[in-house]
Amino acid sequence: MLKGLGDLGNLMKLQKEMKEIQKALKKSQVEGFCSNESVKAVVNGEFEFLSLFIAPELVVEGNSKKIEKLVLFAINDAVDKMKSKSSQEMSKYTGGLNLPGM
């Protein structure tokens, strides 16, 4: 009569594991860099921007447009790395399935 509960148990276990992964990812951080590594940005697993380093020589140059571009590049690099890290961690448990909302 309750034949399908085995599958339900597996789904509940998977859901619990996914929540644990999400918690761990929220605590993790990745660094992103511009092409010459003169700018470094750090984001966490919730894609919150945490910190920024700009090499002093860039500031001395005083080229604000260049600095703006390098900052954006570093932030986007960090976000891309976190997306990739999140995807890799999730795929370990989903077997490569694309589960919406996970």
PDB file of N, CA and C in Angstrom:
ATOM      1  N   MET A   1       0.814  -1.193   0.000  1.00  0.00           N
ATOM      2  CA  MET A   1       0.000   0.000   0.000  1.00  0.00           C
ATOM      3  C   MET A   1       0.861   1.262   0.000  1.00  0.00           C
ATOM      4  N   LEU A   2       1.948   1.291   0.769  1.00  0.00           N
ATOM      5  CA  LEU A   2       2.832   2.449   0.821  1.00  0.00           C
ATOM      6  C   LEU A   2       4.113   2.181   0.037  1.00  0.00           C
ATOM      7  N   LYS A   3       3.915   1.607  -1.120  1.00  0.00           N
ATOM      8  CA  LYS A   3       5.017   1.160  -1.953  1.00  0.00           C
ATOM      9  C   LYS A   3       5.946   2.300  -2.380  1.00  0.00           C
ATOM     10  N   GLY A   4       5.429   3.474  -2.633  1.00  0.00           N
ATOM     11  CA  GLY A   4       6.219   4.587  -3.159  1.00  0.00           C
ATOM     12  C   GLY A   4       6.986   5.360  -2.108  1.00  0.00           C
ATOM     13  N   LEU A   5       6.913   4.989  -0.839  1.00  0.00           N
ATOM     14  CA  LEU A   5       7.591   5.754   0.205  1.00  0.00           C
ATOM     15  C   LEU A   5       9.115   5.667   0.115  1.00  0.00           C
ATOM     16  N   GLY A   6       9.632   4.643  -0.486  1.00  0.00           N
ATOM     17  CA  GLY A   6      11.076   4.538  -0.677  1.00  0.00           C
ATOM     18  C   GLY A   6      11.585   5.694  -1.513  1.00  0.00           C
ATOM     19  N   ASP A   7      10.869   6.009  -2.591  1.00  0.00           N
ATOM     20  CA  ASP A   7      11.239   7.131  -3.443  1.00  0.00           C
ATOM     21  C   ASP A   7      11.094   8.448  -2.699  1.00  0.00           C
ATOM     22  N   LEU A   8      10.056   8.552  -1.894  1.00  0.00           N
ATOM     23  CA  LEU A   8       9.838   9.765  -1.108  1.00  0.00           C
ATOM     24  C   LEU A   8      10.971   9.951  -0.109  1.00  0.00           C
ATOM     25  N   GLY A   9      11.403   8.873   0.501  1.00  0.00           N
ATOM     26  CA  GLY A   9      12.528   8.930   1.440  1.00  0.00           C
ATOM     27  C   GLY A   9      13.802   9.396   0.760  1.00  0.00           C
ATOM     28  N   ASN A  10      14.036   8.891  -0.463  1.00  0.00           N
ATOM     29  CA  ASN A  10      15.213   9.311  -1.216  1.00  0.00           C
ATOM     30  C   ASN A  10      15.139  10.795  -1.565  1.00  0.00           C
ATOM     31  N   LEU A  11      13.972  11.257  -1.929  1.00  0.00           N
ATOM     32  CA  LEU A  11      13.797  12.674  -2.256  1.00  0.00           C
ATOM     33  C   LEU A  11      14.023  13.554  -1.033  1.00  0.00           C
ATOM     34  N   MET A  12      13.525  13.101   0.103  1.00  0.00           N
ATOM     35  CA  MET A  12      13.715  13.873   1.338  1.00  0.00           C
ATOM     36  C   MET A  12      15.196  13.917   1.721  1.00  0.00           C
ATOM     37  N   LYS A  13      15.899  12.804   1.526  1.00  0.00           N
ATOM     38  CA  LYS A  13      17.328  12.760   1.812  1.00  0.00           C
ATOM     39  C   LYS A  13      18.080  13.704   0.873  1.00  0.00           C
ATOM     40  N   LEU A  14      17.726  13.678  -0.402  1.00  0.00           N
ATOM     41  CA  LEU A  14      18.354  14.560  -1.383  1.00  0.00           C
ATOM     42  C   LEU A  14      18.094  16.025  -1.029  1.00  0.00           C
ATOM     43  N   GLN A  15      16.871  16.326  -0.622  1.00  0.00           N
ATOM     44  CA  GLN A  15      16.520  17.693  -0.251  1.00  0.00           C
ATOM     45  C   GLN A  15      17.370  18.157   0.944  1.00  0.00           C
ATOM     46  N   LYS A  16      17.548  17.286   1.915  1.00  0.00           N
ATOM     47  CA  LYS A  16      18.352  17.628   3.095  1.00  0.00           C
ATOM     48  C   LYS A  16      19.803  17.881   2.688  1.00  0.00           C
ATOM     49  N   GLU A  17      20.335  17.016   1.843  1.00  0.00           N
ATOM     50  CA  GLU A  17      21.711  17.178   1.373  1.00  0.00           C
ATOM     51  C   GLU A  17      21.876  18.479   0.591  1.00  0.00           C
ATOM     52  N   MET A  18      20.898  18.815  -0.219  1.00  0.00           N
ATOM     53  CA  MET A  18      20.955  20.051  -1.011  1.00  0.00           C
ATOM     54  C   MET A  18      20.956  21.275  -0.099  1.00  0.00           C
ATOM     55  N   LYS A  19      20.169  21.242   0.965  1.00  0.00           N
ATOM     56  CA  LYS A  19      20.145  22.362   1.910  1.00  0.00           C
ATOM     57  C   LYS A  19      21.492  22.514   2.606  1.00  0.00           C
ATOM     58  N   GLU A  20      22.127  21.387   2.915  1.00  0.00           N
ATOM     59  CA  GLU A  20      23.445  21.438   3.544  1.00  0.00           C
ATOM     60  C   GLU A  20      24.478  22.033   2.598  1.00  0.00           C
ATOM     61  N   ILE A  21      24.395  21.678   1.323  1.00  0.00           N
ATOM     62  CA  ILE A  21      25.306  22.234   0.326  1.00  0.00           C
ATOM     63  C   ILE A  21      25.085  23.739   0.209  1.00  0.00           C
ATOM     64  N   GLN A  22      23.826  24.149   0.168  1.00  0.00           N
ATOM     65  CA  GLN A  22      23.513  25.570   0.059  1.00  0.00           C
ATOM     66  C   GLN A  22      24.058  26.344   1.254  1.00  0.00           C
ATOM     67  N   LYS A  23      23.958  25.783   2.455  1.00  0.00           N
ATOM     68  CA  LYS A  23      24.507  26.441   3.649  1.00  0.00           C
ATOM     69  C   LYS A  23      26.016  26.592   3.529  1.00  0.00           C
ATOM     70  N   ALA A  24      26.676  25.532   3.082  1.00  0.00           N
ATOM     71  CA  ALA A  24      28.135  25.577   2.935  1.00  0.00           C
ATOM     72  C   ALA A  24      28.542  26.595   1.875  1.00  0.00           C
ATOM     73  N   LEU A  25      27.799  26.632   0.779  1.00  0.00           N
ATOM     74  CA  LEU A  25      28.118  27.589  -0.281  1.00  0.00           C
ATOM     75  C   LEU A  25      27.939  29.026   0.187  1.00  0.00           C
ATOM     76  N   LYS A  26      26.928  29.275   1.013  1.00  0.00           N
ATOM     77  CA  LYS A  26      26.703  30.632   1.519  1.00  0.00           C
ATOM     78  C   LYS A  26      27.905  31.126   2.309  1.00  0.00           C
ATOM     79  N   LYS A  27      28.583  30.208   2.994  1.00  0.00           N
ATOM     80  CA  LYS A  27      29.742  30.573   3.806  1.00  0.00           C
ATOM     81  C   LYS A  27      31.026  30.668   2.985  1.00  0.00           C
ATOM     82  N   SER A  28      31.024  30.121   1.792  1.00  0.00           N
ATOM     83  CA  SER A  28      32.247  30.105   0.988  1.00  0.00           C
ATOM     84  C   SER A  28      32.474  31.447   0.305  1.00  0.00           C
ATOM     85  N   GLN A  29      33.710  31.669  -0.088  1.00  0.00           N
ATOM     86  CA  GLN A  29      34.096  32.896  -0.767  1.00  0.00           C
ATOM     87  C   GLN A  29      34.985  32.550  -1.955  1.00  0.00           C
ATOM     88  N   VAL A  30      34.916  33.346  -2.996  1.00  0.00           N
ATOM     89  CA  VAL A  30      35.824  33.207  -4.127  1.00  0.00           C
ATOM     90  C   VAL A  30      36.374  34.583  -4.483  1.00  0.00           C
ATOM     91  N   GLU A  31      37.558  34.569  -5.064  1.00  0.00           N
ATOM     92  CA  GLU A  31      38.202  35.788  -5.507  1.00  0.00           C
ATOM     93  C   GLU A  31      38.156  35.863  -7.023  1.00  0.00           C
ATOM     94  N   GLY A  32      37.933  37.057  -7.510  1.00  0.00           N
ATOM     95  CA  GLY A  32      37.980  37.306  -8.941  1.00  0.00           C
ATOM     96  C   GLY A  32      39.005  38.386  -9.219  1.00  0.00           C
ATOM     97  N   PHE A  33      39.616  38.301 -10.383  1.00  0.00           N
ATOM     98  CA  PHE A  33      40.679  39.235 -10.737  1.00  0.00           C
ATOM     99  C   PHE A  33      40.446  39.824 -12.126  1.00  0.00           C
ATOM    100  N   CYS A  34      41.007  40.997 -12.334  1.00  0.00           N
ATOM    101  CA  CYS A  34      41.049  41.534 -13.694  1.00  0.00           C
ATOM    102  C   CYS A  34      42.218  40.849 -14.396  1.00  0.00           C
ATOM    103  N   SER A  35      42.398  41.106 -15.653  1.00  0.00           N
ATOM    104  CA  SER A  35      43.376  40.381 -16.460  1.00  0.00           C
ATOM    105  C   SER A  35      44.814  40.497 -15.937  1.00  0.00           C
ATOM    106  N   ASN A  36      45.202  41.649 -15.421  1.00  0.00           N
ATOM    107  CA  ASN A  36      46.575  41.799 -14.929  1.00  0.00           C
ATOM    108  C   ASN A  36      46.662  41.665 -13.397  1.00  0.00           C
ATOM    109  N   GLU A  37      45.587  41.256 -12.759  1.00  0.00           N
ATOM    110  CA  GLU A  37      45.483  41.008 -11.325  1.00  0.00           C
ATOM    111  C   GLU A  37      45.771  42.240 -10.467  1.00  0.00           C
ATOM    112  N   SER A  38      45.601  43.421 -11.034  1.00  0.00           N
ATOM    113  CA  SER A  38      45.793  44.646 -10.265  1.00  0.00           C
ATOM    114  C   SER A  38      44.547  45.007  -9.459  1.00  0.00           C
ATOM    115  N   VAL A  39      43.441  44.295  -9.742  1.00  0.00           N
ATOM    116  CA  VAL A  39      42.197  44.480  -8.990  1.00  0.00           C
ATOM    117  C   VAL A  39      41.687  43.100  -8.597  1.00  0.00           C
ATOM    118  N   LYS A  40      41.310  42.972  -7.319  1.00  0.00           N
ATOM    119  CA  LYS A  40      40.770  41.707  -6.814  1.00  0.00           C
ATOM    120  C   LYS A  40      39.432  41.996  -6.140  1.00  0.00           C
ATOM    121  N   ALA A  41      38.429  41.180  -6.447  1.00  0.00           N
ATOM    122  CA  ALA A  41      37.112  41.286  -5.821  1.00  0.00           C
ATOM    123  C   ALA A  41      36.789  39.958  -5.152  1.00  0.00           C
ATOM    124  N   VAL A  42      36.083  40.015  -4.033  1.00  0.00           N
ATOM    125  CA  VAL A  42      35.688  38.804  -3.313  1.00  0.00           C
ATOM    126  C   VAL A  42      34.169  38.803  -3.165  1.00  0.00           C
ATOM    127  N   VAL A  43      33.546  37.669  -3.514  1.00  0.00           N
ATOM    128  CA  VAL A  43      32.109  37.489  -3.324  1.00  0.00           C
ATOM    129  C   VAL A  43      31.871  36.200  -2.547  1.00  0.00           C
ATOM    130  N   ASN A  44      30.716  36.133  -1.883  1.00  0.00           N
ATOM    131  CA  ASN A  44      30.369  34.916  -1.151  1.00  0.00           C
ATOM    132  C   ASN A  44      29.346  34.104  -1.938  1.00  0.00           C
ATOM    133  N   GLY A  45      28.924  33.002  -1.349  1.00  0.00           N
ATOM    134  CA  GLY A  45      27.997  32.088  -2.013  1.00  0.00           C
ATOM    135  C   GLY A  45      26.608  32.648  -2.237  1.00  0.00           C
ATOM    136  N   GLU A  46      26.306  33.775  -1.620  1.00  0.00           N
ATOM    137  CA  GLU A  46      25.032  34.456  -1.872  1.00  0.00           C
ATOM    138  C   GLU A  46      25.219  35.575  -2.893  1.00  0.00           C
ATOM    139  N   PHE A  47      26.391  35.579  -3.526  1.00  0.00           N
ATOM    140  CA  PHE A  47      26.749  36.564  -4.545  1.00  0.00           C
ATOM    141  C   PHE A  47      26.776  37.986  -3.989  1.00  0.00           C
ATOM    142  N   GLU A  48      27.107  38.088  -2.706  1.00  0.00           N
ATOM    143  CA  GLU A  48      27.302  39.391  -2.101  1.00  0.00           C
ATOM    144  C   GLU A  48      28.758  39.794  -2.290  1.00  0.00           C
ATOM    145  N   PHE A  49      28.956  41.017  -2.696  1.00  0.00           N
ATOM    146  CA  PHE A  49      30.276  41.575  -2.893  1.00  0.00           C
ATOM    147  C   PHE A  49      30.859  41.895  -1.518  1.00  0.00           C
ATOM    148  N   LEU A  50      31.995  41.284  -1.156  1.00  0.00           N
ATOM    149  CA  LEU A  50      32.549  41.415   0.189  1.00  0.00           C
ATOM    150  C   LEU A  50      33.718  42.388   0.297  1.00  0.00           C
ATOM    151  N   SER A  51      34.620  42.339  -0.668  1.00  0.00           N
ATOM    152  CA  SER A  51      35.777  43.223  -0.579  1.00  0.00           C
ATOM    153  C   SER A  51      36.373  43.494  -1.949  1.00  0.00           C
ATOM    154  N   LEU A  52      37.207  44.528  -1.970  1.00  0.00           N
ATOM    155  CA  LEU A  52      37.835  44.964  -3.209  1.00  0.00           C
ATOM    156  C   LEU A  52      39.246  45.431  -2.905  1.00  0.00           C
ATOM    157  N   PHE A  53      40.192  45.006  -3.712  1.00  0.00           N
ATOM    158  CA  PHE A  53      41.567  45.484  -3.623  1.00  0.00           C
ATOM    159  C   PHE A  53      41.928  46.122  -4.952  1.00  0.00           C
ATOM    160  N   ILE A  54      42.455  47.320  -4.893  1.00  0.00           N
ATOM    161  CA  ILE A  54      42.947  48.015  -6.081  1.00  0.00           C
ATOM    162  C   ILE A  54      44.418  48.324  -5.838  1.00  0.00           C
ATOM    163  N   ALA A  55      45.274  47.894  -6.745  1.00  0.00           N
ATOM    164  CA  ALA A  55      46.709  48.128  -6.604  1.00  0.00           C
ATOM    165  C   ALA A  55      46.980  49.630  -6.534  1.00  0.00           C
ATOM    166  N   PRO A  56      47.828  50.036  -5.625  1.00  0.00           N
ATOM    167  CA  PRO A  56      48.121  51.469  -5.457  1.00  0.00           C
ATOM    168  C   PRO A  56      48.593  52.158  -6.737  1.00  0.00           C
ATOM    169  N   GLU A  57      49.316  51.447  -7.575  1.00  0.00           N
ATOM    170  CA  GLU A  57      49.808  52.071  -8.809  1.00  0.00           C
ATOM    171  C   GLU A  57      48.677  52.485  -9.751  1.00  0.00           C
ATOM    172  N   LEU A  58      47.553  51.781  -9.692  1.00  0.00           N
ATOM    173  CA  LEU A  58      46.399  52.182 -10.499  1.00  0.00           C
ATOM    174  C   LEU A  58      45.830  53.507 -10.013  1.00  0.00           C
ATOM    175  N   VAL A  59      45.787  53.663  -8.720  1.00  0.00           N
ATOM    176  CA  VAL A  59      45.251  54.887  -8.142  1.00  0.00           C
ATOM    177  C   VAL A  59      46.168  56.071  -8.479  1.00  0.00           C
ATOM    178  N   VAL A  60      47.478  55.829  -8.418  1.00  0.00           N
ATOM    179  CA  VAL A  60      48.449  56.880  -8.733  1.00  0.00           C
ATOM    180  C   VAL A  60      48.294  57.340 -10.180  1.00  0.00           C
ATOM    181  N   GLU A  61      48.018  56.382 -11.078  1.00  0.00           N
ATOM    182  CA  GLU A  61      47.805  56.738 -12.487  1.00  0.00           C
ATOM    183  C   GLU A  61      46.653  57.725 -12.637  1.00  0.00           C
ATOM    184  N   GLY A  62      45.636  57.553 -11.827  1.00  0.00           N
ATOM    185  CA  GLY A  62      44.502  58.465 -11.842  1.00  0.00           C
ATOM    186  C   GLY A  62      43.544  58.297 -13.009  1.00  0.00           C
ATOM    187  N   ASN A  63      43.615  57.177 -13.704  1.00  0.00           N
ATOM    188  CA  ASN A  63      42.719  56.928 -14.839  1.00  0.00           C
ATOM    189  C   ASN A  63      41.461  56.231 -14.324  1.00  0.00           C
ATOM    190  N   SER A  64      40.458  57.016 -13.970  1.00  0.00           N
ATOM    191  CA  SER A  64      39.260  56.452 -13.341  1.00  0.00           C
ATOM    192  C   SER A  64      38.495  55.508 -14.264  1.00  0.00           C
ATOM    193  N   LYS A  65      38.461  55.796 -15.547  1.00  0.00           N
ATOM    194  CA  LYS A  65      37.750  54.906 -16.489  1.00  0.00           C
ATOM    195  C   LYS A  65      38.409  53.523 -16.520  1.00  0.00           C
ATOM    196  N   LYS A  66      39.726  53.499 -16.519  1.00  0.00           N
ATOM    197  CA  LYS A  66      40.456  52.224 -16.522  1.00  0.00           C
ATOM    198  C   LYS A  66      40.159  51.456 -15.231  1.00  0.00           C
ATOM    199  N   ILE A  67      40.201  52.152 -14.102  1.00  0.00           N
ATOM    200  CA  ILE A  67      39.930  51.512 -12.812  1.00  0.00           C
ATOM    201  C   ILE A  67      38.514  50.949 -12.785  1.00  0.00           C
ATOM    202  N   GLU A  68      37.549  51.711 -13.269  1.00  0.00           N
ATOM    203  CA  GLU A  68      36.155  51.248 -13.298  1.00  0.00           C
ATOM    204  C   GLU A  68      36.028  49.963 -14.098  1.00  0.00           C
ATOM    205  N   LYS A  69      36.659  49.913 -15.260  1.00  0.00           N
ATOM    206  CA  LYS A  69      36.585  48.712 -16.103  1.00  0.00           C
ATOM    207  C   LYS A  69      37.232  47.512 -15.416  1.00  0.00           C
ATOM    208  N   LEU A  70      38.389  47.733 -14.793  1.00  0.00           N
ATOM    209  CA  LEU A  70      39.083  46.633 -14.130  1.00  0.00           C
ATOM    210  C   LEU A  70      38.305  46.129 -12.921  1.00  0.00           C
ATOM    211  N   VAL A  71      37.663  47.035 -12.195  1.00  0.00           N
ATOM    212  CA  VAL A  71      36.836  46.644 -11.048  1.00  0.00           C
ATOM    213  C   VAL A  71      35.666  45.792 -11.517  1.00  0.00           C
ATOM    214  N   LEU A  72      34.988  46.235 -12.551  1.00  0.00           N
ATOM    215  CA  LEU A  72      33.854  45.456 -13.078  1.00  0.00           C
ATOM    216  C   LEU A  72      34.304  44.076 -13.556  1.00  0.00           C
ATOM    217  N   PHE A  73      35.439  44.033 -14.221  1.00  0.00           N
ATOM    218  CA  PHE A  73      35.955  42.761 -14.708  1.00  0.00           C
ATOM    219  C   PHE A  73      36.225  41.815 -13.534  1.00  0.00           C
ATOM    220  N   ALA A  74      36.858  42.328 -12.465  1.00  0.00           N
ATOM    221  CA  ALA A  74      37.182  41.495 -11.304  1.00  0.00           C
ATOM    222  C   ALA A  74      35.916  40.997 -10.601  1.00  0.00           C
ATOM    223  N   ILE A  75      34.928  41.876 -10.447  1.00  0.00           N
ATOM    224  CA  ILE A  75      33.668  41.470  -9.803  1.00  0.00           C
ATOM    225  C   ILE A  75      32.972  40.409 -10.635  1.00  0.00           C
ATOM    226  N   ASN A  76      32.884  40.626 -11.931  1.00  0.00           N
ATOM    227  CA  ASN A  76      32.232  39.643 -12.803  1.00  0.00           C
ATOM    228  C   ASN A  76      32.978  38.317 -12.805  1.00  0.00           C
ATOM    229  N   ASP A  77      34.296  38.366 -12.732  1.00  0.00           N
ATOM    230  CA  ASP A  77      35.093  37.141 -12.663  1.00  0.00           C
ATOM    231  C   ASP A  77      34.766  36.363 -11.385  1.00  0.00           C
ATOM    232  N   ALA A  78      34.677  37.078 -10.260  1.00  0.00           N
ATOM    233  CA  ALA A  78      34.341  36.426  -8.988  1.00  0.00           C
ATOM    234  C   ALA A  78      32.945  35.812  -9.028  1.00  0.00           C
ATOM    235  N   VAL A  79      31.988  36.531  -9.583  1.00  0.00           N
ATOM    236  CA  VAL A  79      30.618  36.016  -9.685  1.00  0.00           C
ATOM    237  C   VAL A  79      30.577  34.779 -10.580  1.00  0.00           C
ATOM    238  N   ASP A  80      31.282  34.828 -11.706  1.00  0.00           N
ATOM    239  CA  ASP A  80      31.328  33.668 -12.601  1.00  0.00           C
ATOM    240  C   ASP A  80      31.939  32.456 -11.905  1.00  0.00           C
ATOM    241  N   LYS A  81      33.007  32.688 -11.133  1.00  0.00           N
ATOM    242  CA  LYS A  81      33.643  31.582 -10.412  1.00  0.00           C
ATOM    243  C   LYS A  81      32.695  30.992  -9.376  1.00  0.00           C
ATOM    244  N   MET A  82      31.937  31.848  -8.684  1.00  0.00           N
ATOM    245  CA  MET A  82      30.999  31.346  -7.678  1.00  0.00           C
ATOM    246  C   MET A  82      29.861  30.572  -8.343  1.00  0.00           C
ATOM    247  N   LYS A  83      29.381  31.053  -9.478  1.00  0.00           N
ATOM    248  CA  LYS A  83      28.338  30.317 -10.205  1.00  0.00           C
ATOM    249  C   LYS A  83      28.843  28.928 -10.584  1.00  0.00           C
ATOM    250  N   SER A  84      30.066  28.881 -11.073  1.00  0.00           N
ATOM    251  CA  SER A  84      30.657  27.605 -11.475  1.00  0.00           C
ATOM    252  C   SER A  84      30.833  26.681 -10.270  1.00  0.00           C
ATOM    253  N   LYS A  85      31.322  27.229  -9.172  1.00  0.00           N
ATOM    254  CA  LYS A  85      31.507  26.440  -7.951  1.00  0.00           C
ATOM    255  C   LYS A  85      30.171  25.902  -7.453  1.00  0.00           C
ATOM    256  N   SER A  86      29.152  26.747  -7.435  1.00  0.00           N
ATOM    257  CA  SER A  86      27.819  26.328  -6.992  1.00  0.00           C
ATOM    258  C   SER A  86      27.279  25.218  -7.879  1.00  0.00           C
ATOM    259  N   SER A  87      27.427  25.399  -9.170  1.00  0.00           N
ATOM    260  CA  SER A  87      26.935  24.409 -10.127  1.00  0.00           C
ATOM    261  C   SER A  87      27.639  23.069  -9.944  1.00  0.00           C
ATOM    262  N   GLN A  88      28.955  23.106  -9.746  1.00  0.00           N
ATOM    263  CA  GLN A  88      29.716  21.872  -9.555  1.00  0.00           C
ATOM    264  C   GLN A  88      29.292  21.154  -8.282  1.00  0.00           C
ATOM    265  N   GLU A  89      29.116  21.908  -7.205  1.00  0.00           N
ATOM    266  CA  GLU A  89      28.716  21.297  -5.934  1.00  0.00           C
ATOM    267  C   GLU A  89      27.326  20.672  -6.042  1.00  0.00           C
ATOM    268  N   MET A  90      26.413  21.380  -6.670  1.00  0.00           N
ATOM    269  CA  MET A  90      25.046  20.863  -6.802  1.00  0.00           C
ATOM    270  C   MET A  90      25.007  19.633  -7.702  1.00  0.00           C
ATOM    271  N   SER A  91      25.789  19.637  -8.769  1.00  0.00           N
ATOM    272  CA  SER A  91      25.736  18.521  -9.709  1.00  0.00           C
ATOM    273  C   SER A  91      26.275  17.233  -9.097  1.00  0.00           C
ATOM    274  N   LYS A  92      27.081  17.347  -8.042  1.00  0.00           N
ATOM    275  CA  LYS A  92      27.556  16.143  -7.348  1.00  0.00           C
ATOM    276  C   LYS A  92      26.387  15.347  -6.782  1.00  0.00           C
ATOM    277  N   TYR A  93      25.330  16.049  -6.384  1.00  0.00           N
ATOM    278  CA  TYR A  93      24.200  15.395  -5.737  1.00  0.00           C
ATOM    279  C   TYR A  93      23.006  15.188  -6.657  1.00  0.00           C
ATOM    280  N   THR A  94      22.979  15.914  -7.742  1.00  0.00           N
ATOM    281  CA  THR A  94      21.841  15.776  -8.647  1.00  0.00           C
ATOM    282  C   THR A  94      22.177  14.885  -9.838  1.00  0.00           C
ATOM    283  N   GLY A  95      23.424  14.451  -9.918  1.00  0.00           N
ATOM    284  CA  GLY A  95      23.821  13.614 -11.040  1.00  0.00           C
ATOM    285  C   GLY A  95      23.746  14.348 -12.363  1.00  0.00           C
ATOM    286  N   GLY A  96      23.925  15.658 -12.333  1.00  0.00           N
ATOM    287  CA  GLY A  96      23.900  16.453 -13.551  1.00  0.00           C
ATOM    288  C   GLY A  96      22.508  16.908 -13.950  1.00  0.00           C
ATOM    289  N   LEU A  97      21.484  16.517 -13.196  1.00  0.00           N
ATOM    290  CA  LEU A  97      20.125  16.966 -13.506  1.00  0.00           C
ATOM    291  C   LEU A  97      20.002  18.449 -13.217  1.00  0.00           C
ATOM    292  N   ASN A  98      19.291  19.159 -14.044  1.00  0.00           N
ATOM    293  CA  ASN A  98      19.043  20.570 -13.812  1.00  0.00           C
ATOM    294  C   ASN A  98      17.738  20.704 -13.063  1.00  0.00           C
ATOM    295  N   LEU A  99      17.833  20.872 -11.740  1.00  0.00           N
ATOM    296  CA  LEU A  99      16.640  20.987 -10.903  1.00  0.00           C
ATOM    297  C   LEU A  99      16.363  22.457 -10.630  1.00  0.00           C
ATOM    298  N   PRO A 100      15.236  22.980 -11.093  1.00  0.00           N
ATOM    299  CA  PRO A 100      14.924  24.388 -10.878  1.00  0.00           C
ATOM    300  C   PRO A 100      14.881  24.727  -9.391  1.00  0.00           C
ATOM    301  N   GLY A 101      15.430  25.890  -9.049  1.00  0.00           N
ATOM    302  CA  GLY A 101      15.384  26.351  -7.680  1.00  0.00           C
ATOM    303  C   GLY A 101      16.445  25.752  -6.769  1.00  0.00           C
ATOM    304  N   MET A 102      17.328  24.922  -7.302  1.00  0.00           N
ATOM    305  CA  MET A 102      18.348  24.282  -6.467  1.00  0.00           C
ATOM    306  C   MET A 102      19.698  24.905  -6.753  1.00  0.00           C
TER     307      MET A 102
END
